[in-house]
Amino acid sequence: MIDLHTHTFFSDGLLIPSELVWQAKVKGYKAIAITDHVDSSNIDFIIPRMIKVCTQLRSEYEIEVLTGVELTYVPPSLISVLTRQARILGAEIVIVHGETTVEPVPPGTNRAGLLSNIDILAHPGKITAEDIELAVKNNVLLEISSRRGHCLTNSHVAALAKKLQAKLVINTDAHAPEDLISDEQALKIVKEAGLKKNDLEIMWNNAKELIYHNKKNKKGK
């Protein structure tokens, strides 16, 4: 399992980073990104601390651990600005909390995220075909989510993505240890979204390519 969307108690998760990563390793994870919720109030507080702990855990636990953020309920006009700030501070993965059918995220969030230099648009349940074309153009991964509520629109996201050839990724949006999933559970979620085992392999390859690409860019700076 490769999971690029998780949370610790630095936002609304239950675990400290060390425990979350160890739980993921025990579960069989190969890579995990810690992507706590941020806006302009805490982005410069969280990223430096996550870089420190992720570097330590990557070495000690022999699992790929990435520093990320999830821009959450940020006014759409500020998403691009905060994305740039996150990159400057050292975030390896930048996610935007997409417009869902279960939370009142500001309208226009999906579009603003797709027009910014983000990596993943999380659980974008209200996404349109026009938005997905932007995801293809700007190489943004669209999330298939295992999280309760957000998973209800997986089939909508998957069908449009397949039709328009957008790239998908599967994540848990984990907030607690029981939210982490096995490869078998990931396959079940993918099939429930109307996809096949081969699609899951493609999603994991998409995640691997993102990790490689961002690390290569970081080394080149």
Protein backbone atom coordinates (compact mmCIF):
# COMPACT_ATOMS: atom_id res chain seq x y z
CA MET A 1 0.00 0.00 0.00
CA ILE A 2 1.14 3.51 -0.86
CA ASP A 3 -0.87 6.17 0.95
CA LEU A 4 -0.29 9.84 0.21
CA HIS A 5 -3.05 11.35 2.37
CA THR A 6 -2.99 10.89 6.17
CA HIS A 7 -3.34 13.01 9.31
CA THR A 8 -1.75 13.20 12.75
CA PHE A 9 -2.65 15.13 15.88
CA PHE A 10 -0.90 18.12 14.33
CA SER A 11 -4.35 18.66 12.82
CA ASP A 12 -7.34 16.39 13.51
CA GLY A 13 -5.74 12.93 13.59
CA LEU A 14 -5.35 10.82 16.72
CA LEU A 15 -1.70 9.75 16.52
CA ILE A 16 1.68 11.40 16.68
CA PRO A 17 3.69 10.96 13.44
CA SER A 18 5.94 8.22 14.84
CA GLU A 19 3.00 6.03 15.81
CA LEU A 20 1.13 6.61 12.56
CA VAL A 21 4.16 5.62 10.50
CA TRP A 22 4.91 2.56 12.62
CA GLN A 23 1.28 1.43 12.39
CA ALA A 24 1.49 1.84 8.62
CA LYS A 25 4.72 -0.17 8.46
CA VAL A 26 3.14 -2.98 10.48
CA LYS A 27 0.20 -2.88 8.07
CA GLY A 28 2.60 -3.49 5.20
CA TYR A 29 2.82 0.01 3.77
CA LYS A 30 5.70 0.82 1.42
CA ALA A 31 5.21 4.60 1.52
CA ILE A 32 3.14 7.13 3.44
CA ALA A 33 2.74 10.90 3.28
CA ILE A 34 1.72 12.89 6.35
CA THR A 35 -0.57 15.62 5.05
CA ASP A 36 -2.06 17.51 7.97
CA HIS A 37 -4.65 20.21 7.40
CA VAL A 38 -3.18 23.68 6.91
CA ASP A 39 -4.09 27.23 6.03
CA SER A 40 -2.17 30.47 6.47
CA SER A 41 -2.38 30.18 10.27
CA ASN A 42 -0.25 27.06 10.67
CA ILE A 43 1.50 26.16 7.41
CA ASP A 44 4.85 27.58 8.54
CA PHE A 45 4.53 25.82 11.90
CA ILE A 46 3.71 22.34 10.63
CA ILE A 47 5.98 21.82 7.62
CA PRO A 48 9.38 22.32 9.33
CA ARG A 49 8.41 19.96 12.17
CA MET A 50 7.14 17.33 9.75
CA ILE A 51 10.33 17.52 7.70
CA LYS A 52 12.31 16.78 10.86
CA VAL A 53 10.26 13.80 11.98
CA CYS A 54 9.72 12.37 8.49
CA THR A 55 13.48 12.41 7.87
CA GLN A 56 14.07 10.53 11.13
CA LEU A 57 11.33 7.97 10.55
CA ARG A 58 12.40 7.31 6.97
CA SER A 59 15.80 6.31 8.28
CA GLU A 60 14.77 4.40 11.40
CA TYR A 61 11.75 2.50 10.12
CA GLU A 62 12.89 1.84 6.54
CA ILE A 63 9.64 3.07 5.02
CA GLU A 64 9.27 5.96 2.59
CA VAL A 65 7.83 8.84 4.66
CA LEU A 66 6.99 12.12 2.96
CA THR A 67 6.22 15.57 4.30
CA GLY A 68 2.97 16.91 2.93
CA VAL A 69 0.07 19.24 3.62
CA GLU A 70 -3.62 19.34 2.81
CA LEU A 71 -4.87 22.85 2.09
CA THR A 72 -8.26 22.71 3.76
CA TYR A 73 -11.19 25.12 3.44
CA VAL A 74 -8.72 27.71 2.14
CA PRO A 75 -10.46 30.50 0.15
CA PRO A 76 -10.04 29.48 -3.50
CA SER A 77 -8.27 32.74 -4.35
CA LEU A 78 -5.50 31.87 -1.85
CA ILE A 79 -4.85 28.26 -2.86
CA SER A 80 -2.16 29.10 -5.40
CA VAL A 81 -0.36 31.41 -2.95
CA LEU A 82 -0.34 28.80 -0.17
CA THR A 83 0.74 26.08 -2.60
CA ARG A 84 3.81 28.12 -3.47
CA GLN A 85 4.50 28.75 0.21
CA ALA A 86 4.22 25.03 0.98
CA ARG A 87 6.75 24.23 -1.76
CA ILE A 88 9.17 26.88 -0.51
CA LEU A 89 8.90 25.51 3.04
CA GLY A 90 9.77 22.04 1.78
CA ALA A 91 6.49 20.14 1.38
CA GLU A 92 6.97 17.11 -0.87
CA ILE A 93 3.26 16.47 -1.39
CA VAL A 94 0.63 19.22 -1.67
CA ILE A 95 -3.02 18.21 -1.54
CA VAL A 96 -6.15 20.32 -1.75
CA HIS A 97 -9.25 19.27 0.19
CA GLY A 98 -11.65 18.89 -2.71
CA GLU A 99 -15.32 19.78 -2.92
CA THR A 100 -17.25 16.85 -1.52
CA THR A 101 -20.91 15.94 -1.17
CA VAL A 102 -20.54 15.53 2.61
CA GLU A 103 -18.74 18.75 3.59
CA PRO A 104 -19.46 22.42 2.69
CA VAL A 105 -16.10 23.22 1.09
CA PRO A 106 -16.07 26.68 -0.61
CA PRO A 107 -17.37 26.52 -4.19
CA GLY A 108 -14.57 26.86 -6.69
CA THR A 109 -12.07 24.91 -4.58
CA ASN A 110 -11.72 22.08 -7.10
CA ARG A 111 -11.02 24.48 -9.95
CA ALA A 112 -8.60 26.64 -7.94
CA GLY A 113 -6.67 23.56 -6.83
CA LEU A 114 -6.39 22.24 -10.35
CA LEU A 115 -5.07 25.58 -11.56
CA SER A 116 -2.38 25.59 -8.87
CA ASN A 117 0.81 23.56 -8.63
CA ILE A 118 -0.70 20.83 -6.44
CA ASP A 119 -0.14 17.09 -6.60
CA ILE A 120 -3.48 15.60 -5.58
CA LEU A 121 -7.07 16.82 -5.46
CA ALA A 122 -8.51 14.89 -2.53
CA HIS A 123 -11.95 13.26 -2.64
CA PRO A 124 -13.26 15.67 -5.35
CA GLY A 125 -16.82 14.35 -5.26
CA LYS A 126 -18.37 17.35 -7.04
CA ILE A 127 -15.84 17.34 -9.87
CA THR A 128 -17.02 18.08 -13.41
CA ALA A 129 -15.78 16.87 -16.77
CA GLU A 130 -14.33 20.34 -17.41
CA ASP A 131 -12.39 20.15 -14.14
CA ILE A 132 -11.06 16.71 -15.01
CA GLU A 133 -9.75 18.05 -18.29
CA LEU A 134 -7.78 20.57 -16.20
CA ALA A 135 -6.43 17.72 -14.07
CA VAL A 136 -5.17 16.00 -17.22
CA LYS A 137 -3.62 19.20 -18.55
CA ASN A 138 -1.88 20.05 -15.26
CA ASN A 139 -0.99 16.46 -14.30
CA VAL A 140 -2.93 16.49 -11.02
CA LEU A 141 -3.87 13.13 -9.51
CA LEU A 142 -7.52 12.63 -8.55
CA GLU A 143 -8.18 10.71 -5.37
CA ILE A 144 -10.20 7.56 -4.87
CA SER A 145 -10.83 7.58 -1.13
CA SER A 146 -11.41 4.83 1.40
CA ARG A 147 -12.77 7.35 3.93
CA ARG A 148 -16.39 7.01 5.00
CA GLY A 149 -18.58 9.60 3.29
CA HIS A 150 -15.97 10.62 0.75
CA CYS A 151 -15.99 7.11 -0.75
CA LEU A 152 -19.62 7.55 -1.81
CA THR A 153 -18.56 9.53 -4.89
CA ASN A 154 -15.65 7.29 -5.90
CA SER A 155 -17.61 5.81 -8.81
CA HIS A 156 -18.39 9.29 -10.17
CA VAL A 157 -14.76 10.36 -9.98
CA ALA A 158 -13.53 7.05 -11.42
CA ALA A 159 -15.95 7.00 -14.36
CA LEU A 160 -15.13 10.54 -15.47
CA ALA A 161 -11.41 10.01 -14.95
CA LYS A 162 -11.41 6.84 -17.05
CA LYS A 163 -13.42 8.51 -19.79
CA LEU A 164 -11.14 11.55 -19.97
CA GLN A 165 -7.90 9.67 -19.19
CA ALA A 166 -7.10 11.47 -15.94
CA LYS A 167 -4.70 9.89 -13.47
CA LEU A 168 -6.07 8.42 -10.24
CA VAL A 169 -4.53 7.57 -6.88
CA ILE A 170 -5.99 5.68 -3.93
CA ASN A 171 -5.58 7.12 -0.43
CA THR A 172 -7.12 6.59 2.99
CA ASP A 173 -7.35 10.12 4.40
CA ALA A 174 -6.54 8.29 7.64
CA HIS A 175 -7.20 10.05 10.94
CA ALA A 176 -6.90 6.98 13.18
CA PRO A 177 -5.00 3.66 13.03
CA GLU A 178 -8.12 1.75 12.03
CA ASP A 179 -8.36 3.93 8.91
CA LEU A 180 -5.20 2.41 7.44
CA ILE A 181 -5.97 -0.33 4.93
CA SER A 182 -4.38 -3.43 3.47
CA ASP A 183 -3.77 -4.16 -0.21
CA GLU A 184 -6.83 -6.41 -0.16
CA GLN A 185 -9.02 -3.64 1.25
CA ALA A 186 -7.65 -1.24 -1.36
CA LEU A 187 -8.66 -3.66 -4.11
CA LYS A 188 -12.17 -3.93 -2.65
CA ILE A 189 -12.55 -0.14 -2.65
CA VAL A 190 -11.33 0.09 -6.23
CA LYS A 191 -13.78 -2.58 -7.39
CA GLU A 192 -16.64 -0.82 -5.58
CA ALA A 193 -15.76 2.28 -7.59
CA GLY A 194 -16.26 0.31 -10.81
CA LEU A 195 -12.58 -0.23 -11.47
CA LYS A 196 -10.40 -3.35 -11.78
CA LYS A 197 -7.25 -4.80 -10.23
CA ASN A 198 -5.18 -3.41 -13.08
CA ASP A 199 -6.47 0.07 -12.25
CA LEU A 200 -5.20 -0.33 -8.70
CA GLU A 201 -1.75 -1.20 -10.00
CA ILE A 202 -1.84 1.89 -12.21
CA MET A 203 -2.83 4.03 -9.22
CA TRP A 204 0.10 2.75 -7.20
CA ASN A 205 2.40 3.42 -10.15
CA ASN A 206 0.99 6.95 -10.35
CA ALA A 207 1.85 7.41 -6.66
CA LYS A 208 5.36 6.03 -7.20
CA GLU A 209 5.93 8.36 -10.13
CA LEU A 210 4.79 11.35 -8.07
CA ILE A 211 7.15 10.45 -5.23
CA TYR A 212 10.06 9.99 -7.64
CA HIS A 213 9.32 13.17 -9.57
CA ASN A 214 9.03 15.36 -6.48
CA LYS A 215 12.15 13.94 -4.87
CA LYS A 216 14.10 14.44 -8.10
CA ASN A 217 12.96 18.06 -8.27
CA LYS A 218 13.89 18.59 -4.63
CA LYS A 219 17.42 17.27 -5.20
CA GLY A 220 17.80 19.49 -8.23
CA LYS A 221 17.19 22.68 -6.28
